[in-house]
Amino acid sequence: MNTQLTVKDIQHGLWAEMVQQQINSGLSIREWCELNNITTKTFYYRRKHVREEMIAANQPFFAEVVPPAPMTSSSSEDTFIPQMTVTLNGATIGVGQNTPLELLKYVLQVVRHA
């Protein structure tokens, strides 16, 4: 078993952690990058390389699609009613008027490669 990691392996592992931190933060990429003193260009470059490696290794890209938690409020204002649903690889995604296009692209890509 080869236990030596190359600099590239370590670097890309750090990049993968960076992308996962952004996803978990709930912030937009721009907001997360500003907060972490990194340019969005650098972020997208690193994310692209990590994504390509994960796709080549036939691994899912960072996210697990899980059903949303049930809503506890009975107010009709809090109920999400999708304007459109997309079903891909067994996952159904509800899309509303205010769904950010970048988020939808990302989720579809994750589900497609899951």
PDB file of N, CA and C in Angstrom:
ATOM      1  N   MET A   1       0.842  -1.184   0.000  1.00  0.00           N
ATOM      2  CA  MET A   1       0.000   0.000   0.000  1.00  0.00           C
ATOM      3  C   MET A   1       0.885   1.243   0.000  1.00  0.00           C
ATOM      4  N   ASN A   2       0.615   2.165  -0.893  1.00  0.00           N
ATOM      5  CA  ASN A   2       1.403   3.389  -0.990  1.00  0.00           C
ATOM      6  C   ASN A   2       0.879   4.399   0.026  1.00  0.00           C
ATOM      7  N   THR A   3       1.703   4.725   1.005  1.00  0.00           N
ATOM      8  CA  THR A   3       1.262   5.647   2.056  1.00  0.00           C
ATOM      9  C   THR A   3       1.757   7.066   1.833  1.00  0.00           C
ATOM     10  N   GLN A   4       2.506   7.291   0.781  1.00  0.00           N
ATOM     11  CA  GLN A   4       3.030   8.628   0.524  1.00  0.00           C
ATOM     12  C   GLN A   4       2.014   9.451  -0.260  1.00  0.00           C
ATOM     13  N   LEU A   5       1.797  10.641   0.203  1.00  0.00           N
ATOM     14  CA  LEU A   5       0.921  11.568  -0.499  1.00  0.00           C
ATOM     15  C   LEU A   5       1.778  12.564  -1.252  1.00  0.00           C
ATOM     16  N   THR A   6       1.348  12.892  -2.442  1.00  0.00           N
ATOM     17  CA  THR A   6       2.071  13.902  -3.192  1.00  0.00           C
ATOM     18  C   THR A   6       1.592  15.282  -2.748  1.00  0.00           C
ATOM     19  N   VAL A   7       2.359  16.281  -3.078  1.00  0.00           N
ATOM     20  CA  VAL A   7       1.966  17.660  -2.779  1.00  0.00           C
ATOM     21  C   VAL A   7       0.622  17.963  -3.435  1.00  0.00           C
ATOM     22  N   LYS A   8       0.433  17.463  -4.646  1.00  0.00           N
ATOM     23  CA  LYS A   8      -0.828  17.684  -5.359  1.00  0.00           C
ATOM     24  C   LYS A   8      -1.992  17.062  -4.595  1.00  0.00           C
ATOM     25  N   ASP A   9      -1.814  15.831  -4.068  1.00  0.00           N
ATOM     26  CA  ASP A   9      -2.874  15.182  -3.294  1.00  0.00           C
ATOM     27  C   ASP A   9      -3.244  16.006  -2.067  1.00  0.00           C
ATOM     28  N   ILE A  10      -2.242  16.478  -1.373  1.00  0.00           N
ATOM     29  CA  ILE A  10      -2.478  17.276  -0.168  1.00  0.00           C
ATOM     30  C   ILE A  10      -3.165  18.590  -0.531  1.00  0.00           C
ATOM     31  N   GLN A  11      -2.649  19.232  -1.569  1.00  0.00           N
ATOM     32  CA  GLN A  11      -3.220  20.509  -2.015  1.00  0.00           C
ATOM     33  C   GLN A  11      -4.676  20.338  -2.426  1.00  0.00           C
ATOM     34  N   HIS A  12      -4.968  19.319  -3.204  1.00  0.00           N
ATOM     35  CA  HIS A  12      -6.345  19.122  -3.651  1.00  0.00           C
ATOM     36  C   HIS A  12      -7.255  18.684  -2.509  1.00  0.00           C
ATOM     37  N   GLY A  13      -6.705  18.008  -1.522  1.00  0.00           N
ATOM     38  CA  GLY A  13      -7.481  17.691  -0.326  1.00  0.00           C
ATOM     39  C   GLY A  13      -7.882  18.956   0.417  1.00  0.00           C
ATOM     40  N   LEU A  14      -6.949  19.890   0.501  1.00  0.00           N
ATOM     41  CA  LEU A  14      -7.248  21.184   1.135  1.00  0.00           C
ATOM     42  C   LEU A  14      -8.278  21.952   0.322  1.00  0.00           C
ATOM     43  N   TRP A  15      -8.159  21.867  -1.003  1.00  0.00           N
ATOM     44  CA  TRP A  15      -9.132  22.555  -1.862  1.00  0.00           C
ATOM     45  C   TRP A  15     -10.520  21.956  -1.671  1.00  0.00           C
ATOM     46  N   ALA A  16     -10.597  20.625  -1.563  1.00  0.00           N
ATOM     47  CA  ALA A  16     -11.885  19.971  -1.355  1.00  0.00           C
ATOM     48  C   ALA A  16     -12.498  20.410  -0.029  1.00  0.00           C
ATOM     49  N   GLU A  17     -11.675  20.508   1.010  1.00  0.00           N
ATOM     50  CA  GLU A  17     -12.153  20.995   2.310  1.00  0.00           C
ATOM     51  C   GLU A  17     -12.674  22.424   2.188  1.00  0.00           C
ATOM     52  N   MET A  18     -11.971  23.250   1.421  1.00  0.00           N
ATOM     53  CA  MET A  18     -12.378  24.638   1.221  1.00  0.00           C
ATOM     54  C   MET A  18     -13.766  24.696   0.580  1.00  0.00           C
ATOM     55  N   VAL A  19     -13.975  23.898  -0.453  1.00  0.00           N
ATOM     56  CA  VAL A  19     -15.265  23.895  -1.144  1.00  0.00           C
ATOM     57  C   VAL A  19     -16.357  23.401  -0.203  1.00  0.00           C
ATOM     58  N   GLN A  20     -16.068  22.351   0.551  1.00  0.00           N
ATOM     59  CA  GLN A  20     -17.063  21.827   1.480  1.00  0.00           C
ATOM     60  C   GLN A  20     -17.403  22.858   2.560  1.00  0.00           C
ATOM     61  N   GLN A  21     -16.417  23.602   3.028  1.00  0.00           N
ATOM     62  CA  GLN A  21     -16.671  24.652   4.019  1.00  0.00           C
ATOM     63  C   GLN A  21     -17.602  25.715   3.454  1.00  0.00           C
ATOM     64  N   GLN A  22     -17.393  26.078   2.196  1.00  0.00           N
ATOM     65  CA  GLN A  22     -18.263  27.083   1.573  1.00  0.00           C
ATOM     66  C   GLN A  22     -19.685  26.550   1.489  1.00  0.00           C
ATOM     67  N   ILE A  23     -19.832  25.293   1.072  1.00  0.00           N
ATOM     68  CA  ILE A  23     -21.164  24.696   0.955  1.00  0.00           C
ATOM     69  C   ILE A  23     -21.850  24.675   2.320  1.00  0.00           C
ATOM     70  N   ASN A  24     -21.120  24.243   3.338  1.00  0.00           N
ATOM     71  CA  ASN A  24     -21.695  24.133   4.686  1.00  0.00           C
ATOM     72  C   ASN A  24     -21.990  25.485   5.319  1.00  0.00           C
ATOM     73  N   SER A  25     -21.320  26.534   4.844  1.00  0.00           N
ATOM     74  CA  SER A  25     -21.491  27.857   5.454  1.00  0.00           C
ATOM     75  C   SER A  25     -22.861  28.459   5.198  1.00  0.00           C
ATOM     76  N   GLY A  26     -23.485  28.062   4.104  1.00  0.00           N
ATOM     77  CA  GLY A  26     -24.757  28.669   3.735  1.00  0.00           C
ATOM     78  C   GLY A  26     -24.601  30.026   3.074  1.00  0.00           C
ATOM     79  N   LEU A  27     -23.361  30.463   2.922  1.00  0.00           N
ATOM     80  CA  LEU A  27     -23.090  31.749   2.278  1.00  0.00           C
ATOM     81  C   LEU A  27     -22.959  31.557   0.779  1.00  0.00           C
ATOM     82  N   SER A  28     -23.177  32.627   0.045  1.00  0.00           N
ATOM     83  CA  SER A  28     -22.905  32.559  -1.388  1.00  0.00           C
ATOM     84  C   SER A  28     -21.390  32.437  -1.567  1.00  0.00           C
ATOM     85  N   ILE A  29     -20.986  32.022  -2.739  1.00  0.00           N
ATOM     86  CA  ILE A  29     -19.554  31.896  -3.008  1.00  0.00           C
ATOM     87  C   ILE A  29     -18.872  33.248  -2.842  1.00  0.00           C
ATOM     88  N   ARG A  30     -19.481  34.289  -3.354  1.00  0.00           N
ATOM     89  CA  ARG A  30     -18.895  35.630  -3.236  1.00  0.00           C
ATOM     90  C   ARG A  30     -18.727  36.029  -1.783  1.00  0.00           C
ATOM     91  N   GLU A  31     -19.773  35.821  -0.970  1.00  0.00           N
ATOM     92  CA  GLU A  31     -19.704  36.171   0.454  1.00  0.00           C
ATOM     93  C   GLU A  31     -18.634  35.358   1.174  1.00  0.00           C
ATOM     94  N   TRP A  32     -18.609  34.040   0.901  1.00  0.00           N
ATOM     95  CA  TRP A  32     -17.641  33.182   1.566  1.00  0.00           C
ATOM     96  C   TRP A  32     -16.219  33.588   1.187  1.00  0.00           C
ATOM     97  N   CYS A  33     -16.008  33.888  -0.089  1.00  0.00           N
ATOM     98  CA  CYS A  33     -14.676  34.279  -0.548  1.00  0.00           C
ATOM     99  C   CYS A  33     -14.227  35.584   0.104  1.00  0.00           C
ATOM    100  N   GLU A  34     -15.124  36.545   0.204  1.00  0.00           N
ATOM    101  CA  GLU A  34     -14.773  37.814   0.857  1.00  0.00           C
ATOM    102  C   GLU A  34     -14.403  37.576   2.321  1.00  0.00           C
ATOM    103  N   LEU A  35     -15.172  36.739   2.983  1.00  0.00           N
ATOM    104  CA  LEU A  35     -14.935  36.451   4.395  1.00  0.00           C
ATOM    105  C   LEU A  35     -13.615  35.716   4.608  1.00  0.00           C
ATOM    106  N   ASN A  36     -13.201  34.918   3.628  1.00  0.00           N
ATOM    107  CA  ASN A  36     -12.000  34.097   3.755  1.00  0.00           C
ATOM    108  C   ASN A  36     -10.818  34.620   2.937  1.00  0.00           C
ATOM    109  N   ASN A  37     -10.922  35.861   2.474  1.00  0.00           N
ATOM    110  CA  ASN A  37      -9.831  36.517   1.744  1.00  0.00           C
ATOM    111  C   ASN A  37      -9.296  35.697   0.576  1.00  0.00           C
ATOM    112  N   ILE A  38     -10.214  35.248  -0.262  1.00  0.00           N
ATOM    113  CA  ILE A  38      -9.847  34.509  -1.461  1.00  0.00           C
ATOM    114  C   ILE A  38     -10.656  35.080  -2.619  1.00  0.00           C
ATOM    115  N   THR A  39     -10.074  35.154  -3.786  1.00  0.00           N
ATOM    116  CA  THR A  39     -10.821  35.686  -4.924  1.00  0.00           C
ATOM    117  C   THR A  39     -11.793  34.618  -5.429  1.00  0.00           C
ATOM    118  N   THR A  40     -12.901  35.055  -5.983  1.00  0.00           N
ATOM    119  CA  THR A  40     -13.859  34.096  -6.533  1.00  0.00           C
ATOM    120  C   THR A  40     -13.235  33.338  -7.703  1.00  0.00           C
ATOM    121  N   LYS A  41     -12.357  33.985  -8.436  1.00  0.00           N
ATOM    122  CA  LYS A  41     -11.681  33.317  -9.555  1.00  0.00           C
ATOM    123  C   LYS A  41     -10.856  32.125  -9.042  1.00  0.00           C
ATOM    124  N   THR A  42     -10.140  32.324  -7.958  1.00  0.00           N
ATOM    125  CA  THR A  42      -9.345  31.244  -7.360  1.00  0.00           C
ATOM    126  C   THR A  42     -10.253  30.133  -6.846  1.00  0.00           C
ATOM    127  N   PHE A  43     -11.346  30.511  -6.199  1.00  0.00           N
ATOM    128  CA  PHE A  43     -12.287  29.518  -5.681  1.00  0.00           C
ATOM    129  C   PHE A  43     -12.826  28.643  -6.803  1.00  0.00           C
ATOM    130  N   TYR A  44     -13.320  29.275  -7.876  1.00  0.00           N
ATOM    131  CA  TYR A  44     -13.881  28.511  -8.984  1.00  0.00           C
ATOM    132  C   TYR A  44     -12.819  27.623  -9.655  1.00  0.00           C
ATOM    133  N   TYR A  45     -11.598  28.111  -9.757  1.00  0.00           N
ATOM    134  CA  TYR A  45     -10.503  27.324 -10.335  1.00  0.00           C
ATOM    135  C   TYR A  45     -10.273  26.059  -9.505  1.00  0.00           C
ATOM    136  N   ARG A  46     -10.167  26.237  -8.197  1.00  0.00           N
ATOM    137  CA  ARG A  46      -9.923  25.096  -7.315  1.00  0.00           C
ATOM    138  C   ARG A  46     -11.100  24.133  -7.324  1.00  0.00           C
ATOM    139  N   ARG A  47     -12.317  24.658  -7.278  1.00  0.00           N
ATOM    140  CA  ARG A  47     -13.505  23.816  -7.276  1.00  0.00           C
ATOM    141  C   ARG A  47     -13.580  22.993  -8.560  1.00  0.00           C
ATOM    142  N   LYS A  48     -13.217  23.609  -9.674  1.00  0.00           N
ATOM    143  CA  LYS A  48     -13.239  22.901 -10.957  1.00  0.00           C
ATOM    144  C   LYS A  48     -12.284  21.709 -10.930  1.00  0.00           C
ATOM    145  N   HIS A  49     -11.088  21.915 -10.423  1.00  0.00           N
ATOM    146  CA  HIS A  49     -10.108  20.826 -10.385  1.00  0.00           C
ATOM    147  C   HIS A  49     -10.536  19.707  -9.436  1.00  0.00           C
ATOM    148  N   VAL A  50     -11.067  20.069  -8.298  1.00  0.00           N
ATOM    149  CA  VAL A  50     -11.533  19.053  -7.348  1.00  0.00           C
ATOM    150  C   VAL A  50     -12.700  18.285  -7.956  1.00  0.00           C
ATOM    151  N   ARG A  51     -13.628  18.983  -8.573  1.00  0.00           N
ATOM    152  CA  ARG A  51     -14.788  18.342  -9.189  1.00  0.00           C
ATOM    153  C   ARG A  51     -14.350  17.361 -10.270  1.00  0.00           C
ATOM    154  N   GLU A  52     -13.409  17.778 -11.123  1.00  0.00           N
ATOM    155  CA  GLU A  52     -12.928  16.904 -12.191  1.00  0.00           C
ATOM    156  C   GLU A  52     -12.296  15.635 -11.628  1.00  0.00           C
ATOM    157  N   GLU A  53     -11.531  15.771 -10.550  1.00  0.00           N
ATOM    158  CA  GLU A  53     -10.911  14.599  -9.927  1.00  0.00           C
ATOM    159  C   GLU A  53     -11.964  13.661  -9.343  1.00  0.00           C
ATOM    160  N   MET A  54     -12.972  14.226  -8.717  1.00  0.00           N
ATOM    161  CA  MET A  54     -14.008  13.403  -8.103  1.00  0.00           C
ATOM    162  C   MET A  54     -14.843  12.702  -9.166  1.00  0.00           C
ATOM    163  N   ILE A  55     -15.131  13.385 -10.251  1.00  0.00           N
ATOM    164  CA  ILE A  55     -15.885  12.765 -11.338  1.00  0.00           C
ATOM    165  C   ILE A  55     -15.056  11.648 -11.959  1.00  0.00           C
ATOM    166  N   ALA A  56     -13.765  11.898 -12.174  1.00  0.00           N
ATOM    167  CA  ALA A  56     -12.883  10.876 -12.748  1.00  0.00           C
ATOM    168  C   ALA A  56     -12.796   9.651 -11.837  1.00  0.00           C
ATOM    169  N   ALA A  57     -12.872   9.872 -10.524  1.00  0.00           N
ATOM    170  CA  ALA A  57     -12.810   8.766  -9.562  1.00  0.00           C
ATOM    171  C   ALA A  57     -14.190   8.168  -9.308  1.00  0.00           C
ATOM    172  N   ASN A  58     -15.200   8.672 -10.046  1.00  0.00           N
ATOM    173  CA  ASN A  58     -16.575   8.202  -9.915  1.00  0.00           C
ATOM    174  C   ASN A  58     -17.095   8.360  -8.497  1.00  0.00           C
ATOM    175  N   GLN A  59     -16.787   9.514  -7.879  1.00  0.00           N
ATOM    176  CA  GLN A  59     -17.257   9.829  -6.536  1.00  0.00           C
ATOM    177  C   GLN A  59     -18.275  10.959  -6.623  1.00  0.00           C
ATOM    178  N   PRO A  60     -19.253  10.972  -5.727  1.00  0.00           N
ATOM    179  CA  PRO A  60     -20.193  12.098  -5.723  1.00  0.00           C
ATOM    180  C   PRO A  60     -19.467  13.377  -5.346  1.00  0.00           C
ATOM    181  N   PHE A  61     -19.962  14.471  -5.853  1.00  0.00           N
ATOM    182  CA  PHE A  61     -19.309  15.759  -5.630  1.00  0.00           C
ATOM    183  C   PHE A  61     -19.898  16.464  -4.424  1.00  0.00           C
ATOM    184  N   PHE A  62     -19.322  16.259  -3.254  1.00  0.00           N
ATOM    185  CA  PHE A  62     -19.533  17.028  -2.039  1.00  0.00           C
ATOM    186  C   PHE A  62     -20.868  16.941  -1.345  1.00  0.00           C
ATOM    187  N   ALA A  63     -21.944  16.872  -2.033  1.00  0.00           N
ATOM    188  CA  ALA A  63     -23.210  17.030  -1.340  1.00  0.00           C
ATOM    189  C   ALA A  63     -24.031  15.755  -1.384  1.00  0.00           C
ATOM    190  N   GLU A  64     -24.804  15.576  -0.372  1.00  0.00           N
ATOM    191  CA  GLU A  64     -25.745  14.476  -0.323  1.00  0.00           C
ATOM    192  C   GLU A  64     -27.127  15.108  -0.365  1.00  0.00           C
ATOM    193  N   VAL A  65     -27.956  14.644  -1.254  1.00  0.00           N
ATOM    194  CA  VAL A  65     -29.296  15.202  -1.363  1.00  0.00           C
ATOM    195  C   VAL A  65     -30.163  14.500  -0.337  1.00  0.00           C
ATOM    196  N   VAL A  66     -30.693  15.281   0.584  1.00  0.00           N
ATOM    197  CA  VAL A  66     -31.561  14.729   1.623  1.00  0.00           C
ATOM    198  C   VAL A  66     -32.876  15.486   1.597  1.00  0.00           C
ATOM    199  N   PRO A  67     -33.965  14.802   1.945  1.00  0.00           N
ATOM    200  CA  PRO A  67     -35.240  15.501   1.947  1.00  0.00           C
ATOM    201  C   PRO A  67     -35.250  16.600   3.001  1.00  0.00           C
ATOM    202  N   PRO A  68     -35.958  17.687   2.745  1.00  0.00           N
ATOM    203  CA  PRO A  68     -36.012  18.764   3.728  1.00  0.00           C
ATOM    204  C   PRO A  68     -36.755  18.320   4.984  1.00  0.00           C
ATOM    205  N   ALA A  69     -36.405  18.945   6.086  1.00  0.00           N
ATOM    206  CA  ALA A  69     -37.095  18.664   7.343  1.00  0.00           C
ATOM    207  C   ALA A  69     -38.530  19.156   7.235  1.00  0.00           C
ATOM    208  N   PRO A  70     -39.460  18.452   7.848  1.00  0.00           N
ATOM    209  CA  PRO A  70     -40.852  18.906   7.789  1.00  0.00           C
ATOM    210  C   PRO A  70     -41.001  20.274   8.438  1.00  0.00           C
ATOM    211  N   MET A  71     -41.862  21.074   7.858  1.00  0.00           N
ATOM    212  CA  MET A  71     -42.084  22.418   8.389  1.00  0.00           C
ATOM    213  C   MET A  71     -42.974  22.318   9.615  1.00  0.00           C
ATOM    214  N   THR A  72     -42.651  23.102  10.636  1.00  0.00           N
ATOM    215  CA  THR A  72     -43.423  23.053  11.867  1.00  0.00           C
ATOM    216  C   THR A  72     -44.498  24.131  11.916  1.00  0.00           C
ATOM    217  N   SER A  73     -44.371  25.134  11.095  1.00  0.00           N
ATOM    218  CA  SER A  73     -45.338  26.223  11.102  1.00  0.00           C
ATOM    219  C   SER A  73     -46.561  25.832  10.280  1.00  0.00           C
ATOM    220  N   SER A  74     -47.712  26.249  10.722  1.00  0.00           N
ATOM    221  CA  SER A  74     -48.924  25.963   9.967  1.00  0.00           C
ATOM    222  C   SER A  74     -49.319  27.146   9.091  1.00  0.00           C
ATOM    223  N   SER A  75     -48.535  28.202   9.110  1.00  0.00           N
ATOM    224  CA  SER A  75     -48.840  29.380   8.321  1.00  0.00           C
ATOM    225  C   SER A  75     -48.623  29.092   6.845  1.00  0.00           C
ATOM    226  N   SER A  76     -49.592  29.484   6.011  1.00  0.00           N
ATOM    227  CA  SER A  76     -49.464  29.240   4.576  1.00  0.00           C
ATOM    228  C   SER A  76     -48.334  30.072   3.973  1.00  0.00           C
ATOM    229  N   GLU A  77     -47.918  31.144   4.655  1.00  0.00           N
ATOM    230  CA  GLU A  77     -46.822  31.972   4.161  1.00  0.00           C
ATOM    231  C   GLU A  77     -45.498  31.231   4.219  1.00  0.00           C
ATOM    232  N   ASP A  78     -45.362  30.261   5.137  1.00  0.00           N
ATOM    233  CA  ASP A  78     -44.123  29.519   5.311  1.00  0.00           C
ATOM    234  C   ASP A  78     -44.055  28.270   4.436  1.00  0.00           C
ATOM    235  N   THR A  79     -45.114  27.922   3.741  1.00  0.00           N
ATOM    236  CA  THR A  79     -45.158  26.711   2.949  1.00  0.00           C
ATOM    237  C   THR A  79     -44.569  26.969   1.567  1.00  0.00           C
ATOM    238  N   PHE A  80     -43.595  26.136   1.200  1.00  0.00           N
ATOM    239  CA  PHE A  80     -42.980  26.261  -0.118  1.00  0.00           C
ATOM    240  C   PHE A  80     -43.787  25.449  -1.115  1.00  0.00           C
ATOM    241  N   ILE A  81     -44.265  26.117  -2.136  1.00  0.00           N
ATOM    242  CA  ILE A  81     -44.970  25.438  -3.213  1.00  0.00           C
ATOM    243  C   ILE A  81     -44.145  25.662  -4.477  1.00  0.00           C
ATOM    244  N   PRO A  82     -43.497  24.604  -4.968  1.00  0.00           N
ATOM    245  CA  PRO A  82     -42.630  24.786  -6.128  1.00  0.00           C
ATOM    246  C   PRO A  82     -43.430  25.142  -7.370  1.00  0.00           C
ATOM    247  N   GLN A  83     -42.822  25.969  -8.203  1.00  0.00           N
ATOM    248  CA  GLN A  83     -43.426  26.299  -9.486  1.00  0.00           C
ATOM    249  C   GLN A  83     -43.099  25.226 -10.515  1.00  0.00           C
ATOM    250  N   MET A  84     -42.053  24.454 -10.207  1.00  0.00           N
ATOM    251  CA  MET A  84     -41.615  23.405 -11.103  1.00  0.00           C
ATOM    252  C   MET A  84     -40.880  22.371 -10.266  1.00  0.00           C
ATOM    253  N   THR A  85     -40.974  21.108 -10.655  1.00  0.00           N
ATOM    254  CA  THR A  85     -40.169  20.079 -10.020  1.00  0.00           C
ATOM    255  C   THR A  85     -39.325  19.398 -11.092  1.00  0.00           C
ATOM    256  N   VAL A  86     -38.123  19.031 -10.696  1.00  0.00           N
ATOM    257  CA  VAL A  86     -37.201  18.350 -11.594  1.00  0.00           C
ATOM    258  C   VAL A  86     -36.858  17.023 -10.945  1.00  0.00           C
ATOM    259  N   THR A  87     -36.995  15.938 -11.704  1.00  0.00           N
ATOM    260  CA  THR A  87     -36.630  14.622 -11.196  1.00  0.00           C
ATOM    261  C   THR A  87     -35.443  14.118 -11.998  1.00  0.00           C
ATOM    262  N   LEU A  88     -34.381  13.786 -11.282  1.00  0.00           N
ATOM    263  CA  LEU A  88     -33.150  13.334 -11.921  1.00  0.00           C
ATOM    264  C   LEU A  88     -32.500  12.289 -11.036  1.00  0.00           C
ATOM    265  N   ASN A  89     -32.185  11.145 -11.581  1.00  0.00           N
ATOM    266  CA  ASN A  89     -31.541  10.053 -10.827  1.00  0.00           C
ATOM    267  C   ASN A  89     -32.301   9.717  -9.546  1.00  0.00           C
ATOM    268  N   GLY A  90     -33.618   9.763  -9.602  1.00  0.00           N
ATOM    269  CA  GLY A  90     -34.417   9.397  -8.441  1.00  0.00           C
ATOM    270  C   GLY A  90     -34.628  10.504  -7.425  1.00  0.00           C
ATOM    271  N   ALA A  91     -34.010  11.665  -7.626  1.00  0.00           N
ATOM    272  CA  ALA A  91     -34.185  12.796  -6.709  1.00  0.00           C
ATOM    273  C   ALA A  91     -35.150  13.794  -7.342  1.00  0.00           C
ATOM    274  N   THR A  92     -36.066  14.301  -6.549  1.00  0.00           N
ATOM    275  CA  THR A  92     -36.996  15.319  -7.021  1.00  0.00           C
ATOM    276  C   THR A  92     -36.641  16.637  -6.359  1.00  0.00           C
ATOM    277  N   ILE A  93     -36.466  17.657  -7.179  1.00  0.00           N
ATOM    278  CA  ILE A  93     -36.040  18.973  -6.707  1.00  0.00           C
ATOM    279  C   ILE A  93     -37.147  19.965  -7.025  1.00  0.00           C
ATOM    280  N   GLY A  94     -37.597  20.666  -5.982  1.00  0.00           N
ATOM    281  CA  GLY A  94     -38.605  21.697  -6.172  1.00  0.00           C
ATOM    282  C   GLY A  94     -37.932  23.029  -6.453  1.00  0.00           C
ATOM    283  N   VAL A  95     -38.407  23.717  -7.475  1.00  0.00           N
ATOM    284  CA  VAL A  95     -37.813  24.992  -7.872  1.00  0.00           C
ATOM    285  C   VAL A  95     -38.876  26.069  -7.775  1.00  0.00           C
ATOM    286  N   GLY A  96     -38.531  27.130  -7.075  1.00  0.00           N
ATOM    287  CA  GLY A  96     -39.442  28.257  -6.934  1.00  0.00           C
ATOM    288  C   GLY A  96     -38.943  29.468  -7.692  1.00  0.00           C
ATOM    289  N   GLN A  97     -39.725  30.498  -7.684  1.00  0.00           N
ATOM    290  CA  GLN A  97     -39.406  31.738  -8.397  1.00  0.00           C
ATOM    291  C   GLN A  97     -38.106  32.365  -7.894  1.00  0.00           C
ATOM    292  N   ASN A  98     -37.821  32.213  -6.613  1.00  0.00           N
ATOM    293  CA  ASN A  98     -36.639  32.838  -6.032  1.00  0.00           C
ATOM    294  C   ASN A  98     -35.437  31.900  -5.921  1.00  0.00           C
ATOM    295  N   THR A  99     -35.515  30.730  -6.537  1.00  0.00           N
ATOM    296  CA  THR A  99     -34.387  29.798  -6.500  1.00  0.00           C
ATOM    297  C   THR A  99     -33.240  30.386  -7.319  1.00  0.00           C
ATOM    298  N   PRO A 100     -32.077  30.600  -6.715  1.00  0.00           N
ATOM    299  CA  PRO A 100     -30.945  31.152  -7.473  1.00  0.00           C
ATOM    300  C   PRO A 100     -30.499  30.180  -8.571  1.00  0.00           C
ATOM    301  N   LEU A 101     -30.249  30.692  -9.750  1.00  0.00           N
ATOM    302  CA  LEU A 101     -29.844  29.877 -10.886  1.00  0.00           C
ATOM    303  C   LEU A 101     -28.570  29.101 -10.598  1.00  0.00           C
ATOM    304  N   GLU A 102     -27.598  29.737  -9.940  1.00  0.00           N
ATOM    305  CA  GLU A 102     -26.342  29.047  -9.607  1.00  0.00           C
ATOM    306  C   GLU A 102     -26.608  27.851  -8.701  1.00  0.00           C
ATOM    307  N   LEU A 103     -27.500  28.014  -7.743  1.00  0.00           N
ATOM    308  CA  LEU A 103     -27.831  26.917  -6.835  1.00  0.00           C
ATOM    309  C   LEU A 103     -28.475  25.769  -7.610  1.00  0.00           C
ATOM    310  N   LEU A 104     -29.412  26.089  -8.476  1.00  0.00           N
ATOM    311  CA  LEU A 104     -30.082  25.055  -9.261  1.00  0.00           C
ATOM    312  C   LEU A 104     -29.082  24.314 -10.141  1.00  0.00           C
ATOM    313  N   LYS A 105     -28.181  25.043 -10.816  1.00  0.00           N
ATOM    314  CA  LYS A 105     -27.158  24.405 -11.657  1.00  0.00           C
ATOM    315  C   LYS A 105     -26.303  23.460 -10.818  1.00  0.00           C
ATOM    316  N   TYR A 106     -25.898  23.923  -9.660  1.00  0.00           N
ATOM    317  CA  TYR A 106     -25.047  23.128  -8.787  1.00  0.00           C
ATOM    318  C   TYR A 106     -25.751  21.859  -8.325  1.00  0.00           C
ATOM    319  N   VAL A 107     -26.989  22.001  -7.859  1.00  0.00           N
ATOM    320  CA  VAL A 107     -27.731  20.847  -7.353  1.00  0.00           C
ATOM    321  C   VAL A 107     -27.965  19.836  -8.461  1.00  0.00           C
ATOM    322  N   LEU A 108     -28.326  20.292  -9.648  1.00  0.00           N
ATOM    323  CA  LEU A 108     -28.536  19.374 -10.766  1.00  0.00           C
ATOM    324  C   LEU A 108     -27.258  18.636 -11.127  1.00  0.00           C
ATOM    325  N   GLN A 109     -26.148  19.337 -11.083  1.00  0.00           N
ATOM    326  CA  GLN A 109     -24.871  18.704 -11.396  1.00  0.00           C
ATOM    327  C   GLN A 109     -24.509  17.656 -10.342  1.00  0.00           C
ATOM    328  N   VAL A 110     -24.737  17.976  -9.077  1.00  0.00           N
ATOM    329  CA  VAL A 110     -24.454  17.030  -8.002  1.00  0.00           C
ATOM    330  C   VAL A 110     -25.313  15.782  -8.155  1.00  0.00           C
ATOM    331  N   VAL A 111     -26.587  15.972  -8.397  1.00  0.00           N
ATOM    332  CA  VAL A 111     -27.494  14.843  -8.519  1.00  0.00           C
ATOM    333  C   VAL A 111     -27.145  14.012  -9.748  1.00  0.00           C
ATOM    334  N   ARG A 112     -26.795  14.668 -10.831  1.00  0.00           N
ATOM    335  CA  ARG A 112     -26.449  13.953 -12.062  1.00  0.00           C
ATOM    336  C   ARG A 112     -25.252  13.040 -11.856  1.00  0.00           C
ATOM    337  N   HIS A 113     -24.290  13.460 -11.027  1.00  0.00           N
ATOM    338  CA  HIS A 113     -23.074  12.684 -10.833  1.00  0.00           C
ATOM    339  C   HIS A 113     -23.123  11.814  -9.573  1.00  0.00           C
ATOM    340  N   ALA A 114     -24.244  11.816  -8.882  1.00  0.00           N
ATOM    341  CA  ALA A 114     -24.359  11.019  -7.641  1.00  0.00           C
ATOM    342  C   ALA A 114     -24.501   9.543  -7.966  1.00  0.00           C
TER     343      ALA A 114
END
